[in-house]
């Protein structure tokens, strides 16, 4: 009975092995880390948001110096001066939080936009490589428990993206 089952499995498995698909894996995290365009995007975002970042840092410095001044001069200040200084610090802190949060949100949104643009390019390069090398299935390395290093096409993707600059 066991021999019959093994022979049946071999007979069924033989055609499947003959039609085996060529599979490759890609480590998308490594691809994104090694992208040549990554540095250029970082510089462009720095340039785009540099003025606003400088303004937020300036507000942080003003708030810090105001807090230090109040701590240093607290014993010499009248109650009116203390209240006025406290209100000024609260207003400055509220302004800082508002501008800081808006800046973080805008930077995050722009980074996502740039990543999506790159993702489209990466997917196209993967598709081109798969067609060129007659690969039937390309999987993300995180979705695979084990794959031989020869199946990883991540370096080819990075290289092709470098040429496509």
N, C-alpha and C. Protein backbone atom coordinates (compact mmCIF):
# COMPACT_ATOMS: atom_id res chain seq x y z
N UNK A 1 0.83 -1.19 0.00
CA UNK A 1 0.00 0.00 0.00
C UNK A 1 0.87 1.26 0.00
N UNK A 2 1.89 1.28 0.85
CA UNK A 2 2.80 2.41 0.93
C UNK A 2 3.58 2.58 -0.37
N UNK A 3 4.01 1.48 -0.95
CA UNK A 3 4.75 1.54 -2.22
C UNK A 3 3.86 2.12 -3.32
N UNK A 4 2.60 1.71 -3.36
CA UNK A 4 1.68 2.24 -4.37
C UNK A 4 1.51 3.75 -4.21
N UNK A 5 1.40 4.20 -2.97
CA UNK A 5 1.23 5.64 -2.71
C UNK A 5 2.47 6.41 -3.16
N UNK A 6 3.66 5.88 -2.88
CA UNK A 6 4.90 6.54 -3.29
C UNK A 6 5.04 6.58 -4.81
N UNK A 7 4.69 5.47 -5.47
CA UNK A 7 4.76 5.44 -6.93
C UNK A 7 3.77 6.44 -7.52
N UNK A 8 2.57 6.50 -6.96
CA UNK A 8 1.55 7.45 -7.44
C UNK A 8 2.05 8.88 -7.27
N UNK A 9 2.62 9.19 -6.12
CA UNK A 9 3.16 10.53 -5.89
C UNK A 9 4.27 10.86 -6.86
N UNK A 10 5.13 9.90 -7.16
CA UNK A 10 6.22 10.14 -8.11
C UNK A 10 5.67 10.40 -9.50
N UNK A 11 4.65 9.64 -9.88
CA UNK A 11 4.07 9.83 -11.21
C UNK A 11 3.35 11.17 -11.33
N UNK A 12 2.70 11.57 -10.27
CA UNK A 12 2.02 12.87 -10.28
C UNK A 12 3.04 14.00 -10.20
N UNK A 13 4.08 13.81 -9.41
CA UNK A 13 5.08 14.85 -9.19
C UNK A 13 6.00 15.09 -10.37
N UNK A 14 6.21 14.09 -11.21
CA UNK A 14 7.12 14.23 -12.34
C UNK A 14 6.70 15.35 -13.30
N UNK A 15 5.43 15.40 -13.74
CA UNK A 15 5.04 16.52 -14.62
C UNK A 15 5.13 17.87 -13.91
N UNK A 16 4.85 17.88 -12.61
CA UNK A 16 4.94 19.14 -11.87
C UNK A 16 6.38 19.63 -11.82
N UNK A 17 7.31 18.74 -11.63
CA UNK A 17 8.73 19.11 -11.59
C UNK A 17 9.19 19.59 -12.96
N UNK A 18 8.65 19.01 -14.01
CA UNK A 18 9.04 19.42 -15.36
C UNK A 18 8.57 20.84 -15.66
N UNK A 19 7.45 21.23 -15.08
CA UNK A 19 6.90 22.57 -15.29
C UNK A 19 7.24 23.51 -14.13
N UNK A 20 8.29 23.23 -13.39
CA UNK A 20 8.66 24.05 -12.24
C UNK A 20 8.88 25.48 -12.69
N UNK A 21 8.38 26.37 -11.88
CA UNK A 21 8.50 27.79 -12.19
C UNK A 21 9.82 28.33 -11.64
N UNK A 22 10.36 29.30 -12.34
CA UNK A 22 11.58 29.94 -11.89
C UNK A 22 11.18 31.05 -10.90
N UNK A 23 11.76 30.99 -9.72
CA UNK A 23 11.38 31.89 -8.63
C UNK A 23 12.59 32.72 -8.22
N UNK A 24 12.33 33.97 -7.85
CA UNK A 24 13.38 34.85 -7.33
C UNK A 24 12.83 35.59 -6.12
N UNK A 25 13.72 36.12 -5.31
CA UNK A 25 13.31 36.92 -4.15
C UNK A 25 14.00 38.28 -4.20
N UNK A 26 13.35 39.27 -3.58
CA UNK A 26 13.89 40.62 -3.50
C UNK A 26 13.74 41.11 -2.07
N UNK A 27 14.81 41.65 -1.52
CA UNK A 27 14.76 42.26 -0.19
C UNK A 27 14.50 43.75 -0.40
N UNK A 28 13.22 44.14 -0.31
CA UNK A 28 12.83 45.52 -0.60
C UNK A 28 13.47 46.51 0.37
N UNK A 29 13.63 46.12 1.62
CA UNK A 29 14.28 47.00 2.59
C UNK A 29 15.71 47.31 2.18
N UNK A 30 16.44 46.27 1.79
CA UNK A 30 17.83 46.47 1.35
C UNK A 30 17.88 47.30 0.08
N UNK A 31 16.94 47.07 -0.82
CA UNK A 31 16.90 47.84 -2.07
C UNK A 31 16.71 49.32 -1.76
N UNK A 32 15.75 49.64 -0.90
CA UNK A 32 15.49 51.04 -0.58
C UNK A 32 16.67 51.68 0.15
N UNK A 33 17.36 50.92 0.99
CA UNK A 33 18.52 51.46 1.70
C UNK A 33 19.69 51.76 0.77
N UNK A 34 19.83 50.97 -0.28
CA UNK A 34 20.98 51.10 -1.17
C UNK A 34 20.69 51.95 -2.40
N UNK A 35 19.51 52.50 -2.49
CA UNK A 35 19.15 53.29 -3.67
C UNK A 35 20.07 54.48 -3.86
N UNK A 36 20.58 54.67 -5.04
CA UNK A 36 21.41 55.84 -5.32
C UNK A 36 20.60 57.14 -5.24
N UNK A 37 19.32 57.07 -5.54
CA UNK A 37 18.47 58.26 -5.53
C UNK A 37 18.11 58.72 -4.12
N UNK A 38 18.35 57.87 -3.14
CA UNK A 38 17.96 58.16 -1.76
C UNK A 38 18.60 59.45 -1.24
N UNK A 39 19.87 59.60 -1.49
CA UNK A 39 20.60 60.79 -1.01
C UNK A 39 20.07 62.06 -1.67
N UNK A 40 19.81 61.99 -2.97
CA UNK A 40 19.30 63.16 -3.70
C UNK A 40 17.93 63.56 -3.18
N UNK A 41 17.10 62.58 -2.87
CA UNK A 41 15.76 62.87 -2.33
C UNK A 41 15.89 63.52 -0.96
N UNK A 42 16.79 62.99 -0.15
CA UNK A 42 17.01 63.57 1.18
C UNK A 42 17.44 65.02 1.11
N UNK A 43 18.35 65.32 0.18
CA UNK A 43 18.81 66.70 0.02
C UNK A 43 17.69 67.60 -0.50
N UNK A 44 16.88 67.10 -1.41
CA UNK A 44 15.77 67.89 -1.94
C UNK A 44 14.76 68.21 -0.85
N UNK A 45 14.47 67.23 0.00
CA UNK A 45 13.53 67.46 1.10
C UNK A 45 14.12 68.42 2.13
N UNK A 46 15.42 68.30 2.38
CA UNK A 46 16.09 69.24 3.29
C UNK A 46 15.98 70.66 2.77
N UNK A 47 16.21 70.81 1.48
CA UNK A 47 16.13 72.13 0.87
C UNK A 47 14.69 72.67 0.93
N UNK A 48 13.74 71.80 0.65
CA UNK A 48 12.33 72.20 0.64
C UNK A 48 11.84 72.64 2.03
N UNK A 49 12.28 71.95 3.07
CA UNK A 49 11.78 72.23 4.41
C UNK A 49 12.81 72.89 5.32
N UNK A 50 13.96 73.27 4.79
CA UNK A 50 15.03 73.84 5.60
C UNK A 50 14.64 75.11 6.33
N UNK A 51 13.94 76.00 5.66
CA UNK A 51 13.53 77.26 6.30
C UNK A 51 12.60 77.02 7.48
N UNK A 52 11.65 76.12 7.27
CA UNK A 52 10.69 75.82 8.34
C UNK A 52 11.36 75.12 9.51
N UNK A 53 12.32 74.24 9.23
CA UNK A 53 13.06 73.57 10.30
C UNK A 53 13.88 74.58 11.10
N UNK A 54 14.47 75.53 10.40
CA UNK A 54 15.25 76.57 11.07
C UNK A 54 14.35 77.41 11.97
N UNK A 55 13.16 77.71 11.50
CA UNK A 55 12.20 78.49 12.29
C UNK A 55 11.80 77.74 13.56
N UNK A 56 11.56 76.44 13.44
CA UNK A 56 11.19 75.63 14.60
C UNK A 56 12.35 75.58 15.59
N UNK A 57 13.57 75.42 15.09
CA UNK A 57 14.74 75.40 15.97
C UNK A 57 14.92 76.74 16.67
N UNK A 58 14.64 77.82 15.94
CA UNK A 58 14.75 79.16 16.54
C UNK A 58 13.73 79.30 17.67
N UNK A 59 12.50 78.85 17.44
CA UNK A 59 11.48 78.90 18.49
C UNK A 59 11.88 78.06 19.70
N UNK A 60 12.48 76.90 19.46
CA UNK A 60 12.95 76.06 20.56
C UNK A 60 14.01 76.79 21.38
N UNK A 61 14.92 77.45 20.69
CA UNK A 61 15.97 78.21 21.38
C UNK A 61 15.40 79.35 22.19
N UNK A 62 14.44 80.07 21.61
CA UNK A 62 13.80 81.18 22.34
C UNK A 62 13.09 80.68 23.59
N UNK A 63 12.37 79.56 23.45
CA UNK A 63 11.65 79.01 24.59
C UNK A 63 12.64 78.56 25.67
N UNK A 64 13.71 77.90 25.27
CA UNK A 64 14.71 77.44 26.22
C UNK A 64 15.34 78.62 26.97
N UNK A 65 15.72 79.66 26.23
CA UNK A 65 16.36 80.80 26.89
C UNK A 65 15.38 81.54 27.80
N UNK A 66 14.13 81.62 27.39
CA UNK A 66 13.11 82.26 28.23
C UNK A 66 12.89 81.47 29.52
N UNK A 67 12.88 80.15 29.42
CA UNK A 67 12.71 79.31 30.61
C UNK A 67 13.90 79.46 31.55
N UNK A 68 15.10 79.49 30.99
CA UNK A 68 16.30 79.66 31.81
C UNK A 68 16.29 81.02 32.51
N UNK A 69 15.87 82.05 31.77
CA UNK A 69 15.82 83.40 32.34
C UNK A 69 14.82 83.45 33.48
N UNK A 70 13.67 82.82 33.28
CA UNK A 70 12.65 82.82 34.34
C UNK A 70 13.12 82.07 35.58
N UNK A 71 13.81 80.97 35.40
CA UNK A 71 14.32 80.22 36.54
C UNK A 71 15.38 81.04 37.28
N UNK A 72 16.21 81.71 36.52
CA UNK A 72 17.30 82.48 37.10
C UNK A 72 16.77 83.72 37.84
N UNK A 73 15.77 84.39 37.26
CA UNK A 73 15.28 85.65 37.81
C UNK A 73 13.99 85.50 38.62
N UNK A 74 13.53 84.30 38.88
CA UNK A 74 12.24 84.08 39.54
C UNK A 74 12.17 84.78 40.90
N UNK A 75 13.23 84.77 41.66
CA UNK A 75 13.23 85.37 43.00
C UNK A 75 13.12 86.89 42.93
N UNK A 76 13.56 87.49 41.83
CA UNK A 76 13.57 88.95 41.71
C UNK A 76 12.30 89.49 41.04
N UNK A 77 11.48 88.60 40.45
CA UNK A 77 10.31 89.05 39.69
C UNK A 77 9.09 89.22 40.57
N UNK A 78 8.26 90.18 40.19
CA UNK A 78 6.99 90.36 40.89
C UNK A 78 6.01 89.32 40.37
N UNK A 79 4.87 89.19 41.03
CA UNK A 79 3.85 88.23 40.60
C UNK A 79 3.34 88.57 39.19
N UNK A 80 3.18 89.83 38.89
CA UNK A 80 2.73 90.26 37.56
C UNK A 80 3.75 89.86 36.50
N UNK A 81 5.01 90.08 36.79
CA UNK A 81 6.07 89.71 35.85
C UNK A 81 6.14 88.20 35.65
N UNK A 82 5.95 87.45 36.74
CA UNK A 82 5.95 86.00 36.64
C UNK A 82 4.80 85.51 35.77
N UNK A 83 3.62 86.08 35.98
CA UNK A 83 2.43 85.70 35.21
C UNK A 83 2.62 86.04 33.74
N UNK A 84 3.16 87.22 33.49
CA UNK A 84 3.40 87.65 32.11
C UNK A 84 4.42 86.75 31.42
N UNK A 85 5.47 86.39 32.14
CA UNK A 85 6.50 85.52 31.58
C UNK A 85 5.94 84.13 31.31
N UNK A 86 5.10 83.65 32.24
CA UNK A 86 4.49 82.34 32.07
C UNK A 86 3.57 82.32 30.84
N UNK A 87 2.79 83.36 30.66
CA UNK A 87 1.91 83.45 29.48
C UNK A 87 2.72 83.50 28.19
N UNK A 88 3.81 84.24 28.24
CA UNK A 88 4.66 84.34 27.05
C UNK A 88 5.26 82.97 26.71
N UNK A 89 5.70 82.24 27.74
CA UNK A 89 6.25 80.90 27.51
C UNK A 89 5.17 79.95 26.98
N UNK A 90 3.98 80.01 27.52
CA UNK A 90 2.89 79.15 27.06
C UNK A 90 2.53 79.45 25.61
N UNK A 91 2.49 80.73 25.25
CA UNK A 91 2.17 81.11 23.87
C UNK A 91 3.27 80.63 22.92
N UNK A 92 4.52 80.80 23.35
CA UNK A 92 5.64 80.36 22.53
C UNK A 92 5.64 78.84 22.38
N UNK A 93 5.32 78.14 23.45
CA UNK A 93 5.26 76.68 23.41
C UNK A 93 4.11 76.21 22.50
N UNK A 94 2.97 76.86 22.56
CA UNK A 94 1.85 76.51 21.70
C UNK A 94 2.19 76.74 20.23
N UNK A 95 2.85 77.86 19.96
CA UNK A 95 3.27 78.17 18.59
C UNK A 95 4.28 77.13 18.10
N UNK A 96 5.20 76.76 18.97
CA UNK A 96 6.22 75.77 18.64
C UNK A 96 5.57 74.41 18.35
N UNK A 97 4.63 74.01 19.16
CA UNK A 97 3.96 72.72 18.95
C UNK A 97 3.18 72.73 17.63
N UNK A 98 2.49 73.81 17.36
CA UNK A 98 1.70 73.91 16.14
C UNK A 98 2.59 73.85 14.90
N UNK A 99 3.63 74.65 14.89
CA UNK A 99 4.53 74.68 13.74
C UNK A 99 5.32 73.38 13.61
N UNK A 100 5.75 72.83 14.74
CA UNK A 100 6.50 71.58 14.72
C UNK A 100 5.66 70.41 14.20
N UNK A 101 4.42 70.35 14.66
CA UNK A 101 3.53 69.27 14.21
C UNK A 101 3.21 69.41 12.73
N UNK A 102 2.95 70.63 12.28
CA UNK A 102 2.66 70.86 10.85
C UNK A 102 3.87 70.49 10.00
N UNK A 103 5.06 70.85 10.47
CA UNK A 103 6.28 70.52 9.73
C UNK A 103 6.47 69.01 9.65
N UNK A 104 6.32 68.32 10.76
CA UNK A 104 6.48 66.86 10.77
C UNK A 104 5.49 66.20 9.82
N UNK A 105 4.26 66.66 9.82
CA UNK A 105 3.23 66.09 8.96
C UNK A 105 3.56 66.34 7.49
N UNK A 106 4.00 67.55 7.16
CA UNK A 106 4.35 67.86 5.78
C UNK A 106 5.56 67.05 5.31
N UNK A 107 6.56 66.92 6.16
CA UNK A 107 7.76 66.15 5.81
C UNK A 107 7.37 64.69 5.60
N UNK A 108 6.56 64.15 6.50
CA UNK A 108 6.13 62.75 6.38
C UNK A 108 5.35 62.52 5.09
N UNK A 109 4.47 63.45 4.75
CA UNK A 109 3.66 63.35 3.53
C UNK A 109 4.56 63.38 2.29
N UNK A 110 5.51 64.30 2.26
CA UNK A 110 6.41 64.41 1.11
C UNK A 110 7.32 63.18 1.00
N UNK A 111 7.78 62.66 2.14
CA UNK A 111 8.60 61.45 2.10
C UNK A 111 7.79 60.28 1.52
N UNK A 112 6.53 60.18 1.92
CA UNK A 112 5.67 59.12 1.39
C UNK A 112 5.47 59.28 -0.11
N UNK A 113 5.29 60.52 -0.57
CA UNK A 113 5.14 60.77 -2.00
C UNK A 113 6.38 60.32 -2.76
N UNK A 114 7.55 60.69 -2.25
CA UNK A 114 8.80 60.33 -2.91
C UNK A 114 9.01 58.81 -2.88
N UNK A 115 8.67 58.18 -1.76
CA UNK A 115 8.82 56.72 -1.67
C UNK A 115 7.89 56.03 -2.67
N UNK A 116 6.69 56.56 -2.84
CA UNK A 116 5.77 55.96 -3.80
C UNK A 116 6.29 56.09 -5.23
N UNK A 117 6.90 57.24 -5.54
CA UNK A 117 7.49 57.40 -6.88
C UNK A 117 8.60 56.38 -7.09
N UNK A 118 9.43 56.20 -6.08
CA UNK A 118 10.53 55.25 -6.19
C UNK A 118 10.00 53.82 -6.25
N UNK A 119 8.95 53.54 -5.48
CA UNK A 119 8.38 52.20 -5.49
C UNK A 119 7.90 51.81 -6.88
N UNK A 120 7.31 52.74 -7.59
CA UNK A 120 6.87 52.47 -8.96
C UNK A 120 8.07 52.11 -9.83
N UNK A 121 9.16 52.87 -9.69
CA UNK A 121 10.38 52.58 -10.46
C UNK A 121 10.95 51.21 -10.09
N UNK A 122 10.98 50.91 -8.79
CA UNK A 122 11.53 49.64 -8.32
C UNK A 122 10.70 48.49 -8.88
N UNK A 123 9.40 48.62 -8.81
CA UNK A 123 8.53 47.55 -9.33
C UNK A 123 8.74 47.36 -10.83
N UNK A 124 8.92 48.44 -11.56
CA UNK A 124 9.15 48.33 -13.00
C UNK A 124 10.49 47.65 -13.28
N UNK A 125 11.51 47.99 -12.51
CA UNK A 125 12.82 47.36 -12.69
C UNK A 125 12.73 45.87 -12.37
N UNK A 126 12.03 45.52 -11.32
CA UNK A 126 11.85 44.10 -10.96
C UNK A 126 11.15 43.37 -12.10
N UNK A 127 10.12 43.99 -12.63
CA UNK A 127 9.38 43.38 -13.75
C UNK A 127 10.29 43.20 -14.96
N UNK A 128 11.10 44.22 -15.27
CA UNK A 128 12.02 44.13 -16.40
C UNK A 128 13.04 43.00 -16.22
N UNK A 129 13.59 42.90 -15.01
CA UNK A 129 14.56 41.85 -14.72
C UNK A 129 13.89 40.48 -14.83
N UNK A 130 12.68 40.37 -14.30
CA UNK A 130 11.96 39.09 -14.36
C UNK A 130 11.70 38.67 -15.80
N UNK A 131 11.33 39.62 -16.63
CA UNK A 131 11.08 39.30 -18.04
C UNK A 131 12.39 38.93 -18.76
N UNK A 132 13.43 39.68 -18.48
CA UNK A 132 14.72 39.44 -19.13
C UNK A 132 15.28 38.06 -18.76
N UNK A 133 15.16 37.69 -17.48
CA UNK A 133 15.73 36.43 -17.00
C UNK A 133 14.70 35.30 -16.97
N UNK A 134 13.52 35.57 -17.53
CA UNK A 134 12.45 34.57 -17.60
C UNK A 134 12.09 34.00 -16.22
N UNK A 135 11.93 34.91 -15.27
CA UNK A 135 11.53 34.54 -13.91
C UNK A 135 10.00 34.58 -13.87
N UNK A 136 9.41 33.50 -13.33
CA UNK A 136 7.96 33.40 -13.29
C UNK A 136 7.36 34.09 -12.06
N UNK A 137 8.05 34.00 -10.92
CA UNK A 137 7.53 34.55 -9.68
C UNK A 137 8.65 35.28 -8.95
N UNK A 138 8.36 36.51 -8.50
CA UNK A 138 9.30 37.26 -7.66
C UNK A 138 8.59 37.54 -6.35
N UNK A 139 9.21 37.12 -5.25
CA UNK A 139 8.61 37.29 -3.93
C UNK A 139 9.50 38.18 -3.07
N UNK A 140 8.88 38.85 -2.11
CA UNK A 140 9.66 39.62 -1.15
C UNK A 140 10.35 38.65 -0.20
N UNK A 141 11.57 38.95 0.13
CA UNK A 141 12.35 38.03 0.97
C UNK A 141 11.72 37.82 2.34
N UNK A 142 11.00 38.81 2.84
CA UNK A 142 10.34 38.68 4.14
C UNK A 142 9.20 37.67 4.12
N UNK A 143 8.66 37.37 2.95
CA UNK A 143 7.55 36.42 2.83
C UNK A 143 8.05 35.00 2.66
N UNK A 144 9.36 34.82 2.56
CA UNK A 144 9.94 33.51 2.31
C UNK A 144 10.72 33.05 3.54
N UNK A 145 10.50 31.83 3.95
CA UNK A 145 11.22 31.30 5.10
C UNK A 145 12.68 31.06 4.75
N UNK A 146 12.93 30.50 3.57
CA UNK A 146 14.29 30.24 3.14
C UNK A 146 14.37 30.35 1.63
N UNK A 147 15.46 30.93 1.17
CA UNK A 147 15.74 30.98 -0.27
C UNK A 147 17.26 30.96 -0.43
N UNK A 148 17.71 30.26 -1.45
CA UNK A 148 19.13 30.23 -1.73
C UNK A 148 19.59 31.64 -2.11
N UNK A 149 20.78 32.02 -1.74
CA UNK A 149 21.28 33.36 -2.09
C UNK A 149 21.29 33.62 -3.60
N UNK A 150 21.39 32.57 -4.40
CA UNK A 150 21.40 32.74 -5.85
C UNK A 150 20.05 33.23 -6.37
N UNK A 151 18.99 33.03 -5.59
CA UNK A 151 17.66 33.45 -6.02
C UNK A 151 17.39 34.93 -5.73
N UNK A 152 18.25 35.56 -4.93
CA UNK A 152 18.06 36.96 -4.55
C UNK A 152 18.52 37.89 -5.68
N UNK A 153 17.60 38.68 -6.19
CA UNK A 153 17.93 39.60 -7.28
C UNK A 153 18.01 41.06 -6.80
N UNK A 154 18.10 41.25 -5.50
CA UNK A 154 18.12 42.61 -4.93
C UNK A 154 19.27 43.44 -5.48
N UNK A 155 20.45 42.86 -5.57
CA UNK A 155 21.61 43.61 -6.06
C UNK A 155 21.42 44.00 -7.53
N UNK A 156 20.78 43.13 -8.29
CA UNK A 156 20.50 43.45 -9.70
C UNK A 156 19.52 44.62 -9.80
N UNK A 157 18.56 44.66 -8.90
CA UNK A 157 17.58 45.75 -8.90
C UNK A 157 18.27 47.07 -8.56
N UNK A 158 19.13 47.06 -7.53
CA UNK A 158 19.85 48.27 -7.14
C UNK A 158 20.75 48.74 -8.29
N UNK A 159 21.43 47.79 -8.91
CA UNK A 159 22.33 48.13 -10.01
C UNK A 159 21.54 48.75 -11.18
N UNK A 160 20.41 48.17 -11.50
CA UNK A 160 19.59 48.71 -12.61
C UNK A 160 19.04 50.09 -12.26
N UNK A 161 18.68 50.30 -11.02
CA UNK A 161 18.19 51.61 -10.59
C UNK A 161 19.32 52.64 -10.63
N UNK A 162 20.53 52.22 -10.33
CA UNK A 162 21.69 53.11 -10.40
C UNK A 162 21.96 53.57 -11.83
N UNK A 163 21.76 52.67 -12.77
CA UNK A 163 21.96 53.01 -14.17
C UNK A 163 20.84 53.90 -14.68
N UNK A 164 19.66 53.76 -14.10
CA UNK A 164 18.48 54.52 -14.56
C UNK A 164 18.40 55.92 -13.97
N UNK A 165 19.33 56.27 -13.11
CA UNK A 165 19.34 57.59 -12.46
C UNK A 165 18.82 58.59 -13.40
